[in-house]
Amino acid sequence: MPALRRPPSAARLLATAALGGALLGTVPILTAPAATAADGTSEAVYFVHGIDWNHGKAGDAQLNCESTWKASKAALKAHGWTGKMITWGYYAKDTRCTRKTNGDLNTRIQELGRRFAWDVYANYAKNGESVDVVAHSMGGLVVRAAIEGVNRYGKNKDWPDRLYIEDVATFSTPHTGTDWGTSCTALKGWKQCSDVRPGSGFLKWAGQNPQAAGGTDWTLIGASDDDMITSGSATGMRAKHKAIYASGQGLEHSTIKNKGDGNGWKAKVTDDYGSTWKSGTGPGPLLRLFNALYRSSAA
């Protein structure tokens, strides 16, 4: 079993600070609690879905969080994951979500990121607990916005001052945008469509490889069969771990998060920010998801 990254516990840091204060004859000044990560597979995991633009009205967008993430959650559990699994929705009409916010297709991604940041903070970060995140499609941009927003505006009362997000895995996220966003903006004019256009103001703002307090390890997963988000966009943000699945394996945009809880899948991968790539057979998307959260590797 590979070694896991674990920050010092809050209790240990408090004891060290107290000892230092006693030796110096001063009272230690303590600010935010230090991040603590659950051992192995017991860390909480958030699941954030993608855009739903198949409607005539912005307020009609809706997804079933449970069915959207059924396969991913089952795969993690099959590999022994015991941590709490939280499905987070951002449309008012979303169903079967652990928690959700009342947004619609005109709610900007930056605003969704702010709301997501507060959910993670209120339930985990304020207590010094870290979490992992799995996201599909636009959901990955929501996570980017949450971390980037906290880094930029964490001293503003509208944003929490810290997040502890240890690992993020994204499936087919348009990190550099998608032409579907351009078409949708022309046809519908929805703000979320505008945000996912290549070169949008949001994407310029979102930053590269945003890091939560204590560090965040990103894994970006895309597929050549995806006709909505190109593999180049799915792996277009700076991240240490990336994987692109070869064509002919049935990994379309909506199915990439539902298949491949085993080996024998053709892909090219990198674990050094894209400096070198290796092609071959290995874990499918769902097994790679587990590896991303547990082993910190795209291999």
C-alpha atoms as a PDB file:
ATOM      1  CA  MET A   1       0.000   0.000   0.000  1.00  0.00           C
ATOM      2  CA  PRO A   2       1.514   3.338  -1.010  1.00  0.00           C
ATOM      3  CA  ALA A   3       2.262   5.974   1.565  1.00  0.00           C
ATOM      4  CA  LEU A   4      -0.425   8.596   1.990  1.00  0.00           C
ATOM      5  CA  ARG A   5       0.020  12.309   2.448  1.00  0.00           C
ATOM      6  CA  ARG A   6      -1.144  13.351   5.895  1.00  0.00           C
ATOM      7  CA  PRO A   7      -0.767  16.802   7.459  1.00  0.00           C
ATOM      8  CA  PRO A   8      -0.017  17.082  11.167  1.00  0.00           C
ATOM      9  CA  SER A   9      -3.092  16.699  13.325  1.00  0.00           C
ATOM     10  CA  ALA A  10      -4.671  19.761  14.897  1.00  0.00           C
ATOM     11  CA  ALA A  11      -4.037  18.336  18.359  1.00  0.00           C
ATOM     12  CA  ARG A  12      -0.332  17.894  17.640  1.00  0.00           C
ATOM     13  CA  LEU A  13       0.007  21.423  16.340  1.00  0.00           C
ATOM     14  CA  LEU A  14      -1.843  22.822  19.346  1.00  0.00           C
ATOM     15  CA  ALA A  15       0.428  20.929  21.708  1.00  0.00           C
ATOM     16  CA  THR A  16       3.532  22.142  19.888  1.00  0.00           C
ATOM     17  CA  ALA A  17       2.298  25.740  19.987  1.00  0.00           C
ATOM     18  CA  ALA A  18       1.468  25.495  23.672  1.00  0.00           C
ATOM     19  CA  LEU A  19       4.899  24.060  24.472  1.00  0.00           C
ATOM     20  CA  GLY A  20       6.583  26.795  22.491  1.00  0.00           C
ATOM     21  CA  GLY A  21       4.582  29.417  24.366  1.00  0.00           C
ATOM     22  CA  ALA A  22       5.503  27.905  27.719  1.00  0.00           C
ATOM     23  CA  LEU A  23       9.215  27.836  26.869  1.00  0.00           C
ATOM     24  CA  LEU A  24       9.152  31.417  25.702  1.00  0.00           C
ATOM     25  CA  GLY A  25       6.970  32.630  28.531  1.00  0.00           C
ATOM     26  CA  THR A  26       4.262  33.773  26.127  1.00  0.00           C
ATOM     27  CA  VAL A  27       0.751  32.768  25.261  1.00  0.00           C
ATOM     28  CA  PRO A  28       0.578  31.155  21.798  1.00  0.00           C
ATOM     29  CA  ILE A  29      -1.594  32.833  19.195  1.00  0.00           C
ATOM     30  CA  LEU A  30      -3.771  30.308  17.385  1.00  0.00           C
ATOM     31  CA  THR A  31      -5.710  31.120  14.251  1.00  0.00           C
ATOM     32  CA  ALA A  32      -7.444  28.640  11.964  1.00  0.00           C
ATOM     33  CA  PRO A  33      -7.307  24.976  12.936  1.00  0.00           C
ATOM     34  CA  ALA A  34      -4.790  22.912  11.023  1.00  0.00           C
ATOM     35  CA  ALA A  35      -6.103  20.525   8.408  1.00  0.00           C
ATOM     36  CA  THR A  36      -6.602  16.935   9.408  1.00  0.00           C
ATOM     37  CA  ALA A  37      -7.125  14.214   6.836  1.00  0.00           C
ATOM     38  CA  ALA A  38      -8.945  10.993   7.520  1.00  0.00           C
ATOM     39  CA  ASP A  39      -6.870   7.822   7.284  1.00  0.00           C
ATOM     40  CA  GLY A  40      -6.924   6.144   3.881  1.00  0.00           C
ATOM     41  CA  THR A  41     -10.409   5.610   2.548  1.00  0.00           C
ATOM     42  CA  SER A  42     -12.357   7.262   5.365  1.00  0.00           C
ATOM     43  CA  GLU A  43     -12.167  10.827   4.070  1.00  0.00           C
ATOM     44  CA  ALA A  44     -15.405  12.546   3.028  1.00  0.00           C
ATOM     45  CA  VAL A  45     -15.927  12.906  -0.741  1.00  0.00           C
ATOM     46  CA  TYR A  46     -18.050  15.517  -2.520  1.00  0.00           C
ATOM     47  CA  PHE A  47     -19.601  14.792  -5.932  1.00  0.00           C
ATOM     48  CA  VAL A  48     -20.453  17.789  -8.150  1.00  0.00           C
ATOM     49  CA  HIS A  49     -22.465  17.247 -11.345  1.00  0.00           C
ATOM     50  CA  GLY A  50     -22.245  19.070 -14.671  1.00  0.00           C
ATOM     51  CA  ILE A  51     -24.402  21.527 -16.585  1.00  0.00           C
ATOM     52  CA  ASP A  52     -27.949  20.661 -17.679  1.00  0.00           C
ATOM     53  CA  TRP A  53     -28.783  22.821 -20.688  1.00  0.00           C
ATOM     54  CA  ASN A  54     -31.507  20.651 -22.240  1.00  0.00           C
ATOM     55  CA  HIS A  55     -34.365  22.973 -21.356  1.00  0.00           C
ATOM     56  CA  GLY A  56     -36.331  25.870 -22.710  1.00  0.00           C
ATOM     57  CA  LYS A  57     -36.113  27.894 -19.485  1.00  0.00           C
ATOM     58  CA  ALA A  58     -33.115  28.571 -17.276  1.00  0.00           C
ATOM     59  CA  GLY A  59     -35.042  27.623 -14.155  1.00  0.00           C
ATOM     60  CA  ASP A  60     -36.031  24.196 -15.486  1.00  0.00           C
ATOM     61  CA  ALA A  61     -32.513  22.740 -15.268  1.00  0.00           C
ATOM     62  CA  GLN A  62     -32.393  19.689 -13.028  1.00  0.00           C
ATOM     63  CA  LEU A  63     -30.381  16.548 -12.405  1.00  0.00           C
ATOM     64  CA  ASN A  64     -30.885  13.528 -10.173  1.00  0.00           C
ATOM     65  CA  CYS A  65     -27.755  13.503  -8.026  1.00  0.00           C
ATOM     66  CA  GLU A  66     -28.175   9.893  -6.961  1.00  0.00           C
ATOM     67  CA  SER A  67     -28.492   8.432 -10.466  1.00  0.00           C
ATOM     68  CA  THR A  68     -25.787  10.756 -11.796  1.00  0.00           C
ATOM     69  CA  TRP A  69     -23.245   9.480  -9.297  1.00  0.00           C
ATOM     70  CA  LYS A  70     -24.512   5.949  -8.622  1.00  0.00           C
ATOM     71  CA  ALA A  71     -21.711   4.167 -10.511  1.00  0.00           C
ATOM     72  CA  SER A  72     -18.910   6.354  -9.144  1.00  0.00           C
ATOM     73  CA  LYS A  73     -20.068   5.973  -5.558  1.00  0.00           C
ATOM     74  CA  ALA A  74     -20.494   2.219  -5.974  1.00  0.00           C
ATOM     75  CA  ALA A  75     -16.984   1.867  -7.392  1.00  0.00           C
ATOM     76  CA  LEU A  76     -15.408   3.707  -4.472  1.00  0.00           C
ATOM     77  CA  LYS A  77     -17.354   1.609  -1.992  1.00  0.00           C
ATOM     78  CA  ALA A  78     -16.334  -1.579  -3.814  1.00  0.00           C
ATOM     79  CA  HIS A  79     -12.703  -0.633  -3.243  1.00  0.00           C
ATOM     80  CA  GLY A  80     -13.295  -0.117   0.457  1.00  0.00           C
ATOM     81  CA  TRP A  81     -14.104   3.571   0.688  1.00  0.00           C
ATOM     82  CA  THR A  82     -15.883   4.202   3.980  1.00  0.00           C
ATOM     83  CA  GLY A  83     -15.908   8.003   4.094  1.00  0.00           C
ATOM     84  CA  LYS A  84     -19.122   9.947   3.799  1.00  0.00           C
ATOM     85  CA  MET A  85     -20.213  10.652   0.217  1.00  0.00           C
ATOM     86  CA  ILE A  86     -21.933  13.991  -0.361  1.00  0.00           C
ATOM     87  CA  THR A  87     -23.746  14.750  -3.617  1.00  0.00           C
ATOM     88  CA  TRP A  88     -23.945  18.509  -4.049  1.00  0.00           C
ATOM     89  CA  GLY A  89     -26.435  20.001  -6.505  1.00  0.00           C
ATOM     90  CA  TYR A  90     -26.670  23.570  -7.719  1.00  0.00           C
ATOM     91  CA  TYR A  91     -30.027  23.716  -9.507  1.00  0.00           C
ATOM     92  CA  ALA A  92     -33.187  24.479  -7.550  1.00  0.00           C
ATOM     93  CA  LYS A  93     -34.965  21.542  -9.187  1.00  0.00           C
ATOM     94  CA  ASP A  94     -32.171  19.009  -8.601  1.00  0.00           C
ATOM     95  CA  THR A  95     -33.390  15.849  -6.880  1.00  0.00           C
ATOM     96  CA  ARG A  96     -31.952  13.263  -4.487  1.00  0.00           C
ATOM     97  CA  CYS A  97     -28.933  15.355  -3.535  1.00  0.00           C
ATOM     98  CA  THR A  98     -27.350  15.291  -0.095  1.00  0.00           C
ATOM     99  CA  ARG A  99     -27.434  19.089  -0.211  1.00  0.00           C
ATOM    100  CA  LYS A 100     -28.085  21.644  -2.924  1.00  0.00           C
ATOM    101  CA  THR A 101     -28.293  25.350  -3.620  1.00  0.00           C
ATOM    102  CA  ASN A 102     -31.099  27.104  -5.487  1.00  0.00           C
ATOM    103  CA  GLY A 103     -29.373  28.112  -8.703  1.00  0.00           C
ATOM    104  CA  ASP A 104     -30.358  27.955 -12.357  1.00  0.00           C
ATOM    105  CA  LEU A 105     -28.669  28.206 -15.763  1.00  0.00           C
ATOM    106  CA  ASN A 106     -28.149  31.932 -15.241  1.00  0.00           C
ATOM    107  CA  THR A 107     -26.255  31.488 -11.977  1.00  0.00           C
ATOM    108  CA  ARG A 108     -22.617  32.266 -12.768  1.00  0.00           C
ATOM    109  CA  ILE A 109     -20.037  29.552 -12.153  1.00  0.00           C
ATOM    110  CA  GLN A 110     -18.075  31.868  -9.867  1.00  0.00           C
ATOM    111  CA  GLU A 111     -21.172  32.270  -7.705  1.00  0.00           C
ATOM    112  CA  LEU A 112     -21.723  28.503  -7.649  1.00  0.00           C
ATOM    113  CA  GLY A 113     -18.115  28.142  -6.552  1.00  0.00           C
ATOM    114  CA  ARG A 114     -18.719  30.590  -3.725  1.00  0.00           C
ATOM    115  CA  ARG A 115     -21.738  28.644  -2.530  1.00  0.00           C
ATOM    116  CA  PHE A 116     -19.856  25.342  -2.806  1.00  0.00           C
ATOM    117  CA  ALA A 117     -16.965  26.825  -0.840  1.00  0.00           C
ATOM    118  CA  TRP A 118     -19.303  27.780   1.975  1.00  0.00           C
ATOM    119  CA  ASP A 119     -20.791  24.272   2.064  1.00  0.00           C
ATOM    120  CA  VAL A 120     -17.346  22.680   2.355  1.00  0.00           C
ATOM    121  CA  TYR A 121     -16.305  25.250   4.941  1.00  0.00           C
ATOM    122  CA  ALA A 122     -19.417  24.951   7.097  1.00  0.00           C
ATOM    123  CA  ASN A 123     -19.345  21.158   7.201  1.00  0.00           C
ATOM    124  CA  TYR A 124     -15.606  20.426   7.221  1.00  0.00           C
ATOM    125  CA  ALA A 125     -13.020  23.201   6.827  1.00  0.00           C
ATOM    126  CA  LYS A 126     -14.104  25.244   9.832  1.00  0.00           C
ATOM    127  CA  ASN A 127     -13.374  22.160  11.942  1.00  0.00           C
ATOM    128  CA  GLY A 128      -9.996  21.646  10.278  1.00  0.00           C
ATOM    129  CA  GLU A 129     -11.161  18.634   8.253  1.00  0.00           C
ATOM    130  CA  SER A 130     -10.092  17.989   4.674  1.00  0.00           C
ATOM    131  CA  VAL A 131     -12.230  16.479   1.910  1.00  0.00           C
ATOM    132  CA  ASP A 132     -11.831  15.039  -1.589  1.00  0.00           C
ATOM    133  CA  VAL A 133     -13.943  16.091  -4.587  1.00  0.00           C
ATOM    134  CA  VAL A 134     -15.138  14.309  -7.735  1.00  0.00           C
ATOM    135  CA  ALA A 135     -16.652  16.436 -10.493  1.00  0.00           C
ATOM    136  CA  HIS A 136     -18.125  15.926 -13.941  1.00  0.00           C
ATOM    137  CA  SER A 137     -18.124  18.438 -16.793  1.00  0.00           C
ATOM    138  CA  MET A 138     -18.924  21.970 -15.560  1.00  0.00           C
ATOM    139  CA  GLY A 139     -18.787  20.682 -11.989  1.00  0.00           C
ATOM    140  CA  GLY A 140     -14.999  20.735 -12.240  1.00  0.00           C
ATOM    141  CA  LEU A 141     -15.144  24.452 -13.003  1.00  0.00           C
ATOM    142  CA  VAL A 142     -17.321  24.983  -9.931  1.00  0.00           C
ATOM    143  CA  VAL A 143     -14.579  23.384  -7.828  1.00  0.00           C
ATOM    144  CA  ARG A 144     -11.898  25.509  -9.513  1.00  0.00           C
ATOM    145  CA  ALA A 145     -13.988  28.589  -8.767  1.00  0.00           C
ATOM    146  CA  ALA A 146     -14.398  27.612  -5.114  1.00  0.00           C
ATOM    147  CA  ILE A 147     -10.676  27.247  -4.476  1.00  0.00           C
ATOM    148  CA  GLU A 148      -9.648  30.223  -6.608  1.00  0.00           C
ATOM    149  CA  GLY A 149     -12.305  32.426  -5.027  1.00  0.00           C
ATOM    150  CA  VAL A 150     -11.192  31.589  -1.500  1.00  0.00           C
ATOM    151  CA  ASN A 151      -7.581  32.311  -2.455  1.00  0.00           C
ATOM    152  CA  ARG A 152      -8.509  35.686  -3.962  1.00  0.00           C
ATOM    153  CA  TYR A 153     -11.297  36.847  -1.670  1.00  0.00           C
ATOM    154  CA  GLY A 154     -10.873  34.807   1.521  1.00  0.00           C
ATOM    155  CA  LYS A 155     -10.549  37.971   3.613  1.00  0.00           C
ATOM    156  CA  ASN A 156     -13.901  39.182   2.297  1.00  0.00           C
ATOM    157  CA  LYS A 157     -16.838  38.155   4.467  1.00  0.00           C
ATOM    158  CA  ASP A 158     -18.667  36.933   1.357  1.00  0.00           C
ATOM    159  CA  TRP A 159     -16.179  34.041   1.034  1.00  0.00           C
ATOM    160  CA  PRO A 160     -14.810  31.615   3.641  1.00  0.00           C
ATOM    161  CA  ASP A 161     -11.192  32.221   4.604  1.00  0.00           C
ATOM    162  CA  ARG A 162      -9.977  28.676   3.974  1.00  0.00           C
ATOM    163  CA  LEU A 163     -10.737  25.306   2.432  1.00  0.00           C
ATOM    164  CA  TYR A 164      -9.004  21.975   2.887  1.00  0.00           C
ATOM    165  CA  ILE A 165      -9.534  20.053  -0.353  1.00  0.00           C
ATOM    166  CA  GLU A 166      -6.875  17.378  -0.615  1.00  0.00           C
ATOM    167  CA  ASP A 167      -7.698  15.676  -3.943  1.00  0.00           C
ATOM    168  CA  VAL A 168      -9.859  16.619  -6.924  1.00  0.00           C
ATOM    169  CA  ALA A 169     -10.678  14.329  -9.861  1.00  0.00           C
ATOM    170  CA  THR A 170     -12.525  15.781 -12.855  1.00  0.00           C
ATOM    171  CA  PHE A 171     -14.280  13.837 -15.609  1.00  0.00           C
ATOM    172  CA  SER A 172     -14.531  15.649 -18.967  1.00  0.00           C
ATOM    173  CA  THR A 173     -14.409  19.144 -17.495  1.00  0.00           C
ATOM    174  CA  PRO A 174     -14.030  21.923 -20.121  1.00  0.00           C
ATOM    175  CA  HIS A 175     -10.959  23.431 -18.481  1.00  0.00           C
ATOM    176  CA  THR A 176     -10.238  25.501 -21.603  1.00  0.00           C
ATOM    177  CA  GLY A 177     -13.885  25.796 -22.650  1.00  0.00           C
ATOM    178  CA  THR A 178     -16.114  24.117 -25.211  1.00  0.00           C
ATOM    179  CA  ASP A 179     -17.677  25.173 -28.517  1.00  0.00           C
ATOM    180  CA  TRP A 180     -20.958  23.870 -27.134  1.00  0.00           C
ATOM    181  CA  GLY A 181     -20.857  26.830 -24.776  1.00  0.00           C
ATOM    182  CA  THR A 182     -20.485  29.201 -27.711  1.00  0.00           C
ATOM    183  CA  SER A 183     -23.465  27.636 -29.516  1.00  0.00           C
ATOM    184  CA  CYS A 184     -25.575  27.554 -26.375  1.00  0.00           C
ATOM    185  CA  THR A 185     -24.819  31.216 -25.667  1.00  0.00           C
ATOM    186  CA  ALA A 186     -25.943  32.175 -29.169  1.00  0.00           C
ATOM    187  CA  LEU A 187     -29.129  30.104 -28.957  1.00  0.00           C
ATOM    188  CA  LYS A 188     -30.123  30.503 -25.301  1.00  0.00           C
ATOM    189  CA  GLY A 189     -28.023  33.308 -23.828  1.00  0.00           C
ATOM    190  CA  TRP A 190     -27.622  31.532 -20.500  1.00  0.00           C
ATOM    191  CA  LYS A 191     -24.775  32.767 -18.335  1.00  0.00           C
ATOM    192  CA  GLN A 192     -23.409  29.312 -17.566  1.00  0.00           C
ATOM    193  CA  CYS A 193     -23.095  28.683 -21.306  1.00  0.00           C
ATOM    194  CA  SER A 194     -21.216  31.964 -21.640  1.00  0.00           C
ATOM    195  CA  ASP A 195     -18.848  31.006 -18.821  1.00  0.00           C
ATOM    196  CA  VAL A 196     -17.798  27.750 -20.534  1.00  0.00           C
ATOM    197  CA  ARG A 197     -16.992  29.383 -23.885  1.00  0.00           C
ATOM    198  CA  PRO A 198     -13.309  29.176 -24.876  1.00  0.00           C
ATOM    199  CA  GLY A 199     -11.576  32.365 -23.757  1.00  0.00           C
ATOM    200  CA  SER A 200     -14.425  33.438 -21.478  1.00  0.00           C
ATOM    201  CA  GLY A 201     -13.834  35.935 -18.700  1.00  0.00           C
ATOM    202  CA  PHE A 202     -14.552  33.218 -16.157  1.00  0.00           C
ATOM    203  CA  LEU A 203     -11.910  30.856 -17.536  1.00  0.00           C
ATOM    204  CA  LYS A 204      -9.329  33.650 -17.509  1.00  0.00           C
ATOM    205  CA  TRP A 205     -10.224  34.363 -13.879  1.00  0.00           C
ATOM    206  CA  ALA A 206     -10.283  30.734 -12.714  1.00  0.00           C
ATOM    207  CA  GLY A 207      -6.513  30.301 -12.679  1.00  0.00           C
ATOM    208  CA  GLN A 208      -4.325  27.254 -13.187  1.00  0.00           C
ATOM    209  CA  ASN A 209      -4.006  24.499 -10.608  1.00  0.00           C
ATOM    210  CA  PRO A 210      -5.665  26.413  -7.732  1.00  0.00           C
ATOM    211  CA  GLN A 211      -4.550  25.154  -4.348  1.00  0.00           C
ATOM    212  CA  ALA A 212      -6.570  24.940  -1.161  1.00  0.00           C
ATOM    213  CA  ALA A 213      -4.852  25.309   2.205  1.00  0.00           C
ATOM    214  CA  GLY A 214      -2.434  22.419   2.683  1.00  0.00           C
ATOM    215  CA  GLY A 215      -2.314  21.670  -1.056  1.00  0.00           C
ATOM    216  CA  THR A 216      -4.655  20.146  -3.627  1.00  0.00           C
ATOM    217  CA  ASP A 217      -3.731  17.259  -5.931  1.00  0.00           C
ATOM    218  CA  TRP A 218      -5.640  17.442  -9.239  1.00  0.00           C
ATOM    219  CA  THR A 219      -6.321  14.550 -11.631  1.00  0.00           C
ATOM    220  CA  LEU A 220      -7.926  15.422 -14.981  1.00  0.00           C
ATOM    221  CA  ILE A 221      -9.627  12.655 -16.972  1.00  0.00           C
ATOM    222  CA  GLY A 222     -10.849  12.938 -20.569  1.00  0.00           C
ATOM    223  CA  ALA A 223     -11.680  10.689 -23.524  1.00  0.00           C
ATOM    224  CA  SER A 224     -11.218  10.805 -27.280  1.00  0.00           C
ATOM    225  CA  ASP A 225     -14.779   9.496 -27.728  1.00  0.00           C
ATOM    226  CA  ASP A 226     -16.257  12.523 -25.959  1.00  0.00           C
ATOM    227  CA  ASP A 227     -17.931  14.629 -28.670  1.00  0.00           C
ATOM    228  CA  MET A 228     -18.837  17.468 -26.298  1.00  0.00           C
ATOM    229  CA  ILE A 229     -15.598  18.167 -24.419  1.00  0.00           C
ATOM    230  CA  THR A 230     -12.378  17.540 -26.321  1.00  0.00           C
ATOM    231  CA  SER A 231      -9.677  15.570 -24.553  1.00  0.00           C
ATOM    232  CA  GLY A 232      -7.453  18.630 -24.885  1.00  0.00           C
ATOM    233  CA  SER A 233      -9.919  20.755 -22.929  1.00  0.00           C
ATOM    234  CA  ALA A 234     -10.587  18.009 -20.392  1.00  0.00           C
ATOM    235  CA  THR A 235      -6.875  17.971 -19.582  1.00  0.00           C
ATOM    236  CA  GLY A 236      -6.234  21.632 -20.376  1.00  0.00           C
ATOM    237  CA  MET A 237      -5.558  22.970 -16.888  1.00  0.00           C
ATOM    238  CA  ARG A 238      -2.142  22.655 -15.276  1.00  0.00           C
ATOM    239  CA  ALA A 239      -2.348  19.513 -13.135  1.00  0.00           C
ATOM    240  CA  LYS A 240       0.147  16.873 -12.122  1.00  0.00           C
ATOM    241  CA  HIS A 241      -2.011  13.920 -13.150  1.00  0.00           C
ATOM    242  CA  LYS A 242      -3.861  13.584 -16.460  1.00  0.00           C
ATOM    243  CA  ALA A 243      -5.372  10.708 -18.432  1.00  0.00           C
ATOM    244  CA  ILE A 244      -6.840  10.591 -21.942  1.00  0.00           C
ATOM    245  CA  TYR A 245      -8.695   7.430 -22.992  1.00  0.00           C
ATOM    246  CA  ALA A 246      -8.283   6.191 -26.544  1.00  0.00           C
ATOM    247  CA  SER A 247     -11.238   6.201 -28.923  1.00  0.00           C
ATOM    248  CA  GLY A 248     -13.431   3.174 -29.534  1.00  0.00           C
ATOM    249  CA  GLN A 249     -14.086   2.370 -25.870  1.00  0.00           C
ATOM    250  CA  GLY A 250     -17.535   3.929 -25.560  1.00  0.00           C
ATOM    251  CA  LEU A 251     -16.514   6.687 -23.172  1.00  0.00           C
ATOM    252  CA  GLU A 252     -18.892   9.433 -24.224  1.00  0.00           C
ATOM    253  CA  HIS A 253     -19.404  12.625 -22.271  1.00  0.00           C
ATOM    254  CA  SER A 254     -22.219  11.304 -20.106  1.00  0.00           C
ATOM    255  CA  THR A 255     -20.785   7.800 -19.598  1.00  0.00           C
ATOM    256  CA  ILE A 256     -17.126   8.410 -18.740  1.00  0.00           C
ATOM    257  CA  LYS A 257     -17.969   8.678 -15.032  1.00  0.00           C
ATOM    258  CA  ASN A 258     -19.938   5.416 -15.123  1.00  0.00           C
ATOM    259  CA  LYS A 259     -17.530   2.881 -16.657  1.00  0.00           C
ATOM    260  CA  GLY A 260     -14.256   1.135 -16.113  1.00  0.00           C
ATOM    261  CA  ASP A 261     -13.923  -0.296 -12.628  1.00  0.00           C
ATOM    262  CA  GLY A 262     -11.087  -2.549 -13.724  1.00  0.00           C
ATOM    263  CA  ASN A 263      -7.978  -2.740 -15.892  1.00  0.00           C
ATOM    264  CA  GLY A 264      -7.357  -3.259 -19.609  1.00  0.00           C
ATOM    265  CA  TRP A 265      -8.409   0.208 -20.764  1.00  0.00           C
ATOM    266  CA  LYS A 266      -6.313   2.007 -23.367  1.00  0.00           C
ATOM    267  CA  ALA A 267      -5.124   5.464 -22.364  1.00  0.00           C
ATOM    268  CA  LYS A 268      -2.179   7.801 -22.280  1.00  0.00           C
ATOM    269  CA  VAL A 269      -1.270   9.237 -18.902  1.00  0.00           C
ATOM    270  CA  THR A 270       1.081  11.702 -17.259  1.00  0.00           C
ATOM    271  CA  ASP A 271       2.106  12.207 -13.652  1.00  0.00           C
ATOM    272  CA  ASP A 272       4.449  15.141 -14.248  1.00  0.00           C
ATOM    273  CA  TYR A 273       2.195  17.959 -15.445  1.00  0.00           C
ATOM    274  CA  GLY A 274       2.303  16.719 -19.039  1.00  0.00           C
ATOM    275  CA  SER A 275       6.062  16.803 -19.466  1.00  0.00           C
ATOM    276  CA  THR A 276       6.015  13.134 -20.421  1.00  0.00           C
ATOM    277  CA  TRP A 277       3.144  10.874 -21.471  1.00  0.00           C
ATOM    278  CA  LYS A 278       2.935   7.083 -21.467  1.00  0.00           C
ATOM    279  CA  SER A 279       0.485   5.069 -23.565  1.00  0.00           C
ATOM    280  CA  GLY A 280      -0.756   1.585 -22.737  1.00  0.00           C
ATOM    281  CA  THR A 281      -3.489  -0.367 -21.016  1.00  0.00           C
ATOM    282  CA  GLY A 282      -4.422   0.172 -17.416  1.00  0.00           C
ATOM    283  CA  PRO A 283      -7.208   1.301 -15.077  1.00  0.00           C
ATOM    284  CA  GLY A 284     -10.579   2.326 -16.463  1.00  0.00           C
ATOM    285  CA  PRO A 285     -12.125   5.658 -15.459  1.00  0.00           C
ATOM    286  CA  LEU A 286     -13.723   4.416 -12.233  1.00  0.00           C
ATOM    287  CA  LEU A 287     -10.626   2.578 -11.036  1.00  0.00           C
ATOM    288  CA  ARG A 288      -8.546   5.601 -11.993  1.00  0.00           C
ATOM    289  CA  LEU A 289     -10.902   7.701  -9.885  1.00  0.00           C
ATOM    290  CA  PHE A 290     -10.139   5.573  -6.853  1.00  0.00           C
ATOM    291  CA  ASN A 291      -6.420   5.813  -7.571  1.00  0.00           C
ATOM    292  CA  ALA A 292      -6.662   9.584  -7.894  1.00  0.00           C
ATOM    293  CA  LEU A 293      -8.247   9.973  -4.464  1.00  0.00           C
ATOM    294  CA  TYR A 294      -6.185   7.320  -2.706  1.00  0.00           C
ATOM    295  CA  ARG A 295      -2.885   6.828  -4.508  1.00  0.00           C
ATOM    296  CA  SER A 296      -2.260  10.300  -5.982  1.00  0.00           C
ATOM    297  CA  SER A 297      -1.417   8.910  -9.408  1.00  0.00           C
ATOM    298  CA  ALA A 298      -2.955   8.800 -12.863  1.00  0.00           C
ATOM    299  CA  ALA A 299      -1.313   5.443 -13.583  1.00  0.00           C
END
